[in-house]
Amino acid sequence: MCPAPEPLKFSLTHIRRRLEPLKPTSAPVAGRRAAVAMIFSGANQAEELLFIRRAERENDPWSGDIAFPGGGIEAQDIDCRAAAERETREEIGLSLTQKEYLGYLGTVGGSALPVSVSAHVYHLHQLPRLAPNFEVFETLSLPLQVLRDPQRNRIQSFTYGGTGHQHPIVDLHGYAPRCLWGLSYRLVQIFFAVLKP
């Protein structure tokens, strides 16, 4: 029996304070650069986190995966935050330019593919009606306590590239048909680690 996770403060003030020292890096990164938006909702604190389930698409290495809205940084984007906001608007019809920006979380690199993903954190009191485009099958708003549940956090075997691999995941049974794993999983774990006292 796994012990219950220690309580974390999900107050907006605490999140803002923890993210404030973190600044985006401008260091050159090999491979594709991308940015995502981590969008929390809740009346007075962060209670749920918004994800997308990507559409099933041939030749897409993340086809059908649970992920954050976002995508590749393009020439017209002034920085990685602008890319996260543009991609969110394109993918789910949500404009973040007037929403509460809590800060930059960090950048993670892919373990199998040459990609780096920067995460930017936002808060909405309530999610509006969203309009997913062709890249998104559906949107999911998951309680933070589900993502931290020790019964749902485990190691799972995957096969890709013709070989077997093992990765930590969050089992989302009852909320989504797939688990949370990979870069999105790692960003969630970084967020929880940043919030710890």
Protein backbone atom coordinates (compact mmCIF):
# COMPACT_ATOMS: atom_id res chain seq x y z
CA MET A 1 0.00 0.00 0.00
CA CYS A 2 1.54 3.30 -1.11
CA PRO A 3 1.44 6.18 1.37
CA ALA A 4 -0.71 9.16 0.49
CA PRO A 5 1.28 11.96 -1.16
CA GLU A 6 2.25 14.83 1.09
CA PRO A 7 -0.18 17.74 0.68
CA LEU A 8 0.97 20.38 -1.79
CA LYS A 9 -0.22 23.95 -1.88
CA PHE A 10 -1.94 24.63 -5.15
CA SER A 11 -2.71 28.25 -4.28
CA LEU A 12 -2.02 30.67 -7.11
CA THR A 13 0.20 32.76 -4.85
CA HIS A 14 2.36 29.73 -4.04
CA ILE A 15 2.62 28.68 -7.69
CA ARG A 16 3.55 32.23 -8.76
CA ARG A 17 6.19 32.47 -6.03
CA ARG A 18 7.75 29.13 -7.01
CA LEU A 19 7.81 29.90 -10.74
CA GLU A 20 9.07 33.49 -10.40
CA PRO A 21 12.81 32.61 -10.26
CA LEU A 22 12.58 30.37 -13.36
CA LYS A 23 13.44 32.13 -16.61
CA PRO A 24 13.37 30.80 -20.19
CA THR A 25 16.81 30.05 -21.59
CA SER A 26 17.96 31.36 -24.94
CA ALA A 27 20.70 28.74 -25.25
CA PRO A 28 20.71 26.99 -28.65
CA VAL A 29 19.03 23.58 -28.65
CA ALA A 30 19.61 20.83 -31.22
CA GLY A 31 16.52 19.52 -33.00
CA ARG A 32 12.94 20.78 -33.05
CA ARG A 33 11.88 23.41 -30.52
CA ALA A 34 8.32 23.46 -29.21
CA ALA A 35 6.29 25.17 -26.50
CA VAL A 36 3.18 24.16 -24.56
CA ALA A 37 0.66 25.80 -22.26
CA MET A 38 -0.09 24.23 -18.87
CA ILE A 39 -3.55 25.65 -18.12
CA PHE A 40 -4.91 25.29 -14.59
CA SER A 41 -8.50 26.01 -13.67
CA GLY A 42 -10.25 26.54 -10.34
CA ALA A 43 -12.07 29.39 -8.63
CA ASN A 44 -9.43 30.35 -6.06
CA GLN A 45 -6.61 27.88 -6.65
CA ALA A 46 -5.30 25.42 -9.22
CA GLU A 47 -7.60 22.38 -9.04
CA GLU A 48 -7.53 20.86 -12.53
CA LEU A 49 -5.09 20.79 -15.42
CA LEU A 50 -6.12 20.95 -19.08
CA PHE A 51 -4.85 18.35 -21.54
CA ILE A 52 -5.63 17.42 -25.12
CA ARG A 53 -5.87 13.96 -26.64
CA ARG A 54 -4.13 14.21 -29.97
CA ALA A 55 -5.92 12.99 -33.07
CA GLU A 56 -4.83 9.65 -34.52
CA ARG A 57 -2.55 10.56 -37.42
CA GLU A 58 -0.20 8.48 -39.54
CA ASN A 59 3.50 9.30 -39.15
CA ASP A 60 2.85 11.32 -35.99
CA PRO A 61 5.07 9.91 -33.20
CA TRP A 62 2.62 11.31 -30.61
CA SER A 63 -0.55 10.15 -32.39
CA GLY A 64 -3.42 9.74 -29.91
CA ASP A 65 -1.29 10.71 -26.89
CA ILE A 66 -2.42 12.79 -23.94
CA ALA A 67 -0.53 16.09 -24.13
CA PHE A 68 -0.66 19.81 -23.44
CA PRO A 69 -1.85 22.21 -26.13
CA GLY A 70 1.18 23.52 -27.99
CA GLY A 71 3.53 22.84 -30.84
CA GLY A 72 6.56 23.93 -32.80
CA ILE A 73 8.10 27.38 -32.38
CA GLU A 74 7.88 29.21 -35.72
CA ALA A 75 9.71 32.18 -37.22
CA GLN A 76 6.85 34.61 -36.49
CA ASP A 77 6.83 33.76 -32.74
CA ILE A 78 8.71 36.38 -30.74
CA ASP A 79 9.54 33.82 -28.06
CA CYS A 80 8.52 30.39 -26.74
CA ARG A 81 5.63 31.84 -24.71
CA ALA A 82 4.18 33.44 -27.85
CA ALA A 83 4.45 30.06 -29.58
CA ALA A 84 2.58 28.30 -26.75
CA GLU A 85 -0.19 30.90 -26.92
CA ARG A 86 -0.46 30.77 -30.73
CA GLU A 87 -0.57 26.97 -30.78
CA THR A 88 -3.20 26.89 -27.99
CA ARG A 89 -5.39 29.30 -29.94
CA GLU A 90 -5.00 27.24 -33.12
CA GLU A 91 -5.50 23.82 -31.49
CA ILE A 92 -8.38 24.45 -29.08
CA GLY A 93 -9.65 27.97 -29.85
CA LEU A 94 -8.51 29.42 -26.51
CA SER A 95 -6.82 32.82 -26.44
CA LEU A 96 -4.42 33.15 -23.51
CA THR A 97 -3.21 36.70 -24.19
CA GLN A 98 -5.59 38.22 -21.62
CA LYS A 99 -5.47 35.27 -19.18
CA GLU A 100 -3.49 35.09 -15.95
CA TYR A 101 0.10 34.07 -16.68
CA LEU A 102 1.72 32.35 -13.68
CA GLY A 103 5.19 31.82 -15.15
CA TYR A 104 7.65 29.66 -17.01
CA LEU A 105 8.10 26.10 -15.71
CA GLY A 106 11.10 24.86 -17.68
CA THR A 107 12.25 23.07 -20.82
CA VAL A 108 12.61 19.31 -21.25
CA GLY A 109 14.27 17.35 -24.02
CA GLY A 110 12.94 14.24 -25.73
CA SER A 111 14.45 10.91 -24.71
CA ALA A 112 13.97 9.26 -28.12
CA LEU A 113 13.48 12.17 -30.54
CA PRO A 114 15.50 15.40 -30.95
CA VAL A 115 12.93 17.83 -29.54
CA SER A 116 12.85 20.29 -26.65
CA VAL A 117 9.60 21.51 -25.11
CA SER A 118 9.19 24.70 -23.05
CA ALA A 119 6.21 24.94 -20.68
CA HIS A 120 4.32 28.10 -19.71
CA VAL A 121 1.76 28.11 -16.91
CA TYR A 122 -1.62 29.87 -16.92
CA HIS A 123 -4.69 30.05 -14.68
CA LEU A 124 -8.35 30.43 -15.61
CA HIS A 125 -11.11 30.63 -13.02
CA GLN A 126 -13.29 28.57 -15.33
CA LEU A 127 -12.63 26.90 -18.66
CA PRO A 128 -14.67 28.36 -21.52
CA ARG A 129 -16.18 26.27 -24.29
CA LEU A 130 -13.25 24.99 -26.36
CA ALA A 131 -13.11 24.40 -30.11
CA PRO A 132 -10.56 21.67 -30.96
CA ASN A 133 -9.17 21.68 -34.49
CA PHE A 134 -8.27 18.68 -36.66
CA GLU A 135 -5.12 17.98 -34.63
CA VAL A 136 -7.08 17.38 -31.41
CA PHE A 137 -9.53 14.54 -30.77
CA GLU A 138 -10.76 15.92 -27.43
CA THR A 139 -9.84 18.07 -24.43
CA LEU A 140 -9.60 16.72 -20.87
CA SER A 141 -9.55 18.57 -17.56
CA LEU A 142 -7.90 16.33 -14.94
CA PRO A 143 -7.90 16.90 -11.16
CA LEU A 144 -4.41 17.46 -9.76
CA GLN A 145 -5.08 14.89 -7.03
CA VAL A 146 -5.65 12.24 -9.73
CA LEU A 147 -2.29 13.07 -11.29
CA ARG A 148 -0.59 12.72 -7.88
CA ASP A 149 -2.41 9.55 -6.83
CA PRO A 150 0.30 6.96 -5.96
CA GLN A 151 -2.03 4.15 -7.08
CA ARG A 152 -2.03 5.66 -10.59
CA ASN A 153 1.71 6.39 -10.83
CA ARG A 154 3.62 3.33 -12.02
CA ILE A 155 5.99 1.92 -14.64
CA GLN A 156 4.58 0.65 -17.93
CA SER A 157 6.15 -1.26 -20.84
CA PHE A 158 6.02 0.22 -24.35
CA THR A 159 7.19 -1.04 -27.73
CA TYR A 160 8.35 1.45 -30.31
CA GLY A 161 11.15 1.52 -32.85
CA GLY A 162 11.02 -2.28 -32.74
CA THR A 163 12.27 -2.51 -29.17
CA GLY A 164 10.76 -2.62 -25.70
CA HIS A 165 11.00 0.29 -23.27
CA GLN A 166 9.74 1.05 -19.78
CA HIS A 167 8.49 4.49 -18.75
CA PRO A 168 6.80 6.02 -15.72
CA ILE A 169 3.16 6.86 -16.35
CA VAL A 170 -0.02 8.12 -14.72
CA ASP A 171 -2.84 5.63 -15.31
CA LEU A 172 -5.87 7.71 -16.34
CA HIS A 173 -8.43 4.87 -16.31
CA GLY A 174 -11.87 6.40 -15.83
CA TYR A 175 -10.71 9.75 -17.23
CA ALA A 176 -9.02 8.94 -20.55
CA PRO A 177 -8.40 5.87 -22.74
CA ARG A 178 -4.62 6.38 -22.63
CA CYS A 179 -2.07 6.98 -19.91
CA LEU A 180 -0.05 10.14 -19.36
CA TRP A 181 3.58 9.51 -20.22
CA GLY A 182 6.63 10.95 -21.99
CA LEU A 183 7.32 14.69 -22.10
CA SER A 184 3.90 15.66 -20.72
CA TYR A 185 4.36 13.28 -17.78
CA ARG A 186 7.79 14.76 -17.09
CA LEU A 187 6.46 18.33 -17.14
CA VAL A 188 3.74 17.41 -14.64
CA GLN A 189 6.36 15.86 -12.34
CA ILE A 190 8.57 18.94 -12.64
CA PHE A 191 5.59 21.11 -11.67
CA PHE A 192 4.92 19.02 -8.55
CA ALA A 193 8.63 19.07 -7.65
CA VAL A 194 8.80 22.86 -8.02
CA LEU A 195 5.84 23.26 -5.66
CA LYS A 196 7.35 21.17 -2.86
CA PRO A 197 8.57 23.14 0.18
